[in-house]
Amino acid sequence: MNVVLIGYRGTGKSTVGKIVAARLGRPMVSTDAEIVKRAGQSIPEIVAQHGWDYFRELESQVCRDLADGDGLVIDTGGGAILRSDTVDKLKQTGTLFWLTASVDTITKRIGRDTQRPSLTGTKSFVDEVQDVLRERTPKYEAAADHVIATDGRSIVQIADEILARL
């Protein structure tokens, strides 16, 4: 069984995933890192050259491939839940933990991130986070087996909660 971390950027998936993987003695795989490796380009380069639809197709393929594994901790990109067939595949072999955070917390955590291009291209950073969260929240809720709030909590506390729920 895999441990799958879902949620918007800046909710702690990568950092928490490393701790959970270490404690369980399992490998951790980042879907974003795997996409970059397979494409031979950074995410901003992929999106600029091929567009978001192409990126989402790569993301879905990586998620499906990883779901075929066992005993992994999978750190998904924030949009991994956008395709229901991808979510279905991840749920077949994994327990999905939705890490949440407020818009304020997210913007503080990722305000300087240059590895992800704008999702809308036209809105302020805060407006974009609010709008994307509003759109994705029902999808995160539908996909999640467990919901873990990360606001005001240490990475260790979040990892401990995931391990306790396993």
Protein backbone atom coordinates (compact mmCIF):
# COMPACT_ATOMS: atom_id res chain seq x y z
CA MET A 1 0.00 0.00 0.00
CA ASN A 2 1.27 3.45 -0.93
CA VAL A 3 0.96 6.66 1.07
CA VAL A 4 -0.17 9.41 -1.29
CA LEU A 5 0.02 13.08 -0.35
CA ILE A 6 -2.33 15.43 -2.19
CA GLY A 7 -2.99 19.13 -1.80
CA TYR A 8 -2.17 22.55 -3.15
CA ARG A 9 1.41 23.81 -3.46
CA GLY A 10 2.82 24.96 -0.14
CA THR A 11 0.81 22.65 2.09
CA GLY A 12 3.90 20.67 3.10
CA LYS A 13 3.64 17.54 0.95
CA SER A 14 7.32 17.34 -0.02
CA THR A 15 8.75 18.07 3.40
CA VAL A 16 6.27 15.91 5.29
CA GLY A 17 6.65 13.14 2.72
CA LYS A 18 10.39 12.89 3.38
CA ILE A 19 9.81 12.42 7.11
CA VAL A 20 7.00 9.89 6.63
CA ALA A 21 9.11 7.93 4.13
CA ALA A 22 12.12 7.91 6.44
CA ARG A 23 10.07 6.73 9.41
CA LEU A 24 8.43 3.98 7.39
CA GLY A 25 11.68 3.00 5.69
CA ARG A 26 10.08 3.52 2.29
CA PRO A 27 11.18 5.39 -0.81
CA MET A 28 9.59 8.77 -1.46
CA VAL A 29 8.85 9.82 -5.01
CA SER A 30 7.86 13.32 -6.10
CA THR A 31 5.63 13.30 -9.16
CA ASP A 32 6.99 16.74 -10.14
CA ALA A 33 10.59 15.49 -9.98
CA GLU A 34 9.65 12.43 -12.01
CA ILE A 35 7.97 14.61 -14.66
CA VAL A 36 11.09 16.79 -14.92
CA LYS A 37 13.27 13.69 -15.19
CA ARG A 38 11.15 12.08 -17.92
CA ALA A 39 10.70 15.29 -19.93
CA GLY A 40 14.27 16.50 -19.55
CA GLN A 41 12.89 19.98 -18.89
CA SER A 42 11.84 22.05 -15.90
CA ILE A 43 8.12 22.46 -15.27
CA PRO A 44 8.14 26.11 -16.45
CA GLU A 45 9.89 24.97 -19.65
CA ILE A 46 7.39 22.16 -20.21
CA VAL A 47 4.43 24.51 -19.77
CA ALA A 48 5.95 27.28 -21.90
CA GLN A 49 6.82 24.92 -24.74
CA HIS A 50 3.90 22.49 -24.65
CA GLY A 51 1.14 24.01 -22.46
CA TRP A 52 -0.70 22.93 -19.34
CA ASP A 53 -2.66 20.13 -21.04
CA TYR A 54 0.56 18.40 -22.05
CA PHE A 55 1.94 18.83 -18.53
CA ARG A 56 -1.26 17.37 -17.02
CA GLU A 57 -0.99 14.36 -19.33
CA LEU A 58 2.61 13.76 -18.17
CA GLU A 59 1.47 14.17 -14.57
CA SER A 60 -1.33 11.64 -15.01
CA GLN A 61 1.00 9.11 -16.63
CA VAL A 62 3.55 9.49 -13.81
CA CYS A 63 0.84 9.08 -11.17
CA ARG A 64 -0.55 5.99 -12.87
CA ASP A 65 2.92 4.47 -13.17
CA LEU A 66 3.73 5.16 -9.52
CA ALA A 67 0.39 3.74 -8.42
CA ASP A 68 1.52 0.45 -9.92
CA GLY A 69 4.27 0.38 -7.29
CA ASP A 70 3.90 -0.71 -3.69
CA GLY A 71 5.30 0.67 -0.46
CA LEU A 72 5.94 4.16 -1.80
CA VAL A 73 5.35 7.57 -0.31
CA ILE A 74 4.12 9.64 -3.26
CA ASP A 75 4.26 13.45 -3.18
CA THR A 76 1.85 14.53 -5.91
CA GLY A 77 1.63 17.86 -7.64
CA GLY A 78 -1.29 20.07 -6.68
CA GLY A 79 -3.19 19.27 -9.86
CA ALA A 80 -2.91 15.50 -9.70
CA ILE A 81 -6.54 15.34 -8.57
CA LEU A 82 -7.86 17.09 -11.69
CA ARG A 83 -8.34 13.87 -13.62
CA SER A 84 -10.68 11.34 -12.02
CA ASP A 85 -9.01 8.35 -13.70
CA THR A 86 -5.69 9.38 -12.10
CA VAL A 87 -7.32 9.64 -8.67
CA ASP A 88 -9.01 6.26 -9.14
CA LYS A 89 -5.67 4.64 -9.99
CA LEU A 90 -3.91 6.23 -6.98
CA LYS A 91 -6.72 5.08 -4.67
CA GLN A 92 -6.46 1.46 -5.89
CA THR A 93 -3.05 1.06 -4.27
CA GLY A 94 -2.82 3.98 -1.86
CA THR A 95 -4.22 5.87 1.07
CA LEU A 96 -4.66 9.54 0.10
CA PHE A 97 -3.87 12.23 2.63
CA TRP A 98 -5.04 15.74 1.73
CA LEU A 99 -2.77 18.32 3.34
CA THR A 100 -4.58 21.64 3.70
CA ALA A 101 -3.51 25.19 4.52
CA SER A 102 -5.11 28.61 4.43
CA VAL A 103 -4.50 30.97 1.51
CA ASP A 104 -2.39 33.15 3.83
CA THR A 105 -0.20 30.22 4.86
CA ILE A 106 0.18 29.03 1.27
CA THR A 107 1.17 32.45 -0.06
CA LYS A 108 3.74 32.86 2.71
CA ARG A 109 5.22 29.43 1.99
CA ILE A 110 5.40 29.62 -1.81
CA GLY A 111 5.58 33.32 -2.58
CA ARG A 112 9.11 33.00 -3.92
CA ASP A 113 8.65 29.73 -5.80
CA THR A 114 9.93 30.02 -9.36
CA GLN A 115 9.49 26.36 -10.32
CA ARG A 116 5.81 26.61 -11.11
CA PRO A 117 4.38 28.99 -13.70
CA SER A 118 1.14 30.83 -13.10
CA LEU A 119 -1.95 28.70 -13.55
CA THR A 120 -4.04 31.62 -14.79
CA GLY A 121 -1.48 34.14 -16.07
CA THR A 122 -3.80 37.06 -15.43
CA LYS A 123 -4.50 37.32 -11.71
CA SER A 124 -2.56 38.45 -8.68
CA PHE A 125 -0.76 35.68 -6.84
CA VAL A 126 -3.23 35.72 -3.91
CA ASP A 127 -6.26 35.83 -6.23
CA GLU A 128 -4.87 32.91 -8.20
CA VAL A 129 -4.37 30.80 -5.05
CA GLN A 130 -7.90 31.62 -3.86
CA ASP A 131 -9.50 30.84 -7.21
CA VAL A 132 -7.59 27.62 -7.80
CA LEU A 133 -8.32 26.39 -4.27
CA ARG A 134 -12.00 27.20 -4.72
CA GLU A 135 -12.02 25.14 -7.93
CA ARG A 136 -9.98 22.22 -6.60
CA THR A 137 -11.33 21.86 -3.05
CA PRO A 138 -14.27 19.62 -4.06
CA LYS A 139 -11.85 17.39 -5.99
CA TYR A 140 -9.44 17.17 -3.03
CA GLU A 141 -12.38 16.37 -0.73
CA ALA A 142 -13.64 13.63 -3.05
CA ALA A 143 -10.18 12.07 -3.41
CA ALA A 144 -9.03 12.21 0.22
CA ASP A 145 -9.16 9.31 2.62
CA HIS A 146 -7.86 11.63 5.35
CA VAL A 147 -7.67 15.42 5.72
CA ILE A 148 -4.76 16.97 7.63
CA ALA A 149 -4.63 20.70 8.37
CA THR A 150 -1.06 22.03 8.31
CA ASP A 151 -1.57 25.62 9.45
CA GLY A 152 0.42 26.44 12.58
CA ARG A 153 1.77 22.91 12.95
CA SER A 154 5.28 21.59 12.73
CA ILE A 155 6.31 19.17 10.02
CA VAL A 156 6.89 16.53 12.71
CA GLN A 157 3.36 16.99 14.09
CA ILE A 158 1.90 16.56 10.62
CA ALA A 159 4.01 13.46 9.92
CA ASP A 160 3.03 12.01 13.31
CA GLU A 161 -0.65 12.44 12.46
CA ILE A 162 -0.24 10.71 9.10
CA LEU A 163 1.59 7.81 10.73
CA ALA A 164 -1.05 7.53 13.45
CA ARG A 165 -3.82 7.36 10.83
CA LEU A 166 -2.03 4.63 8.90
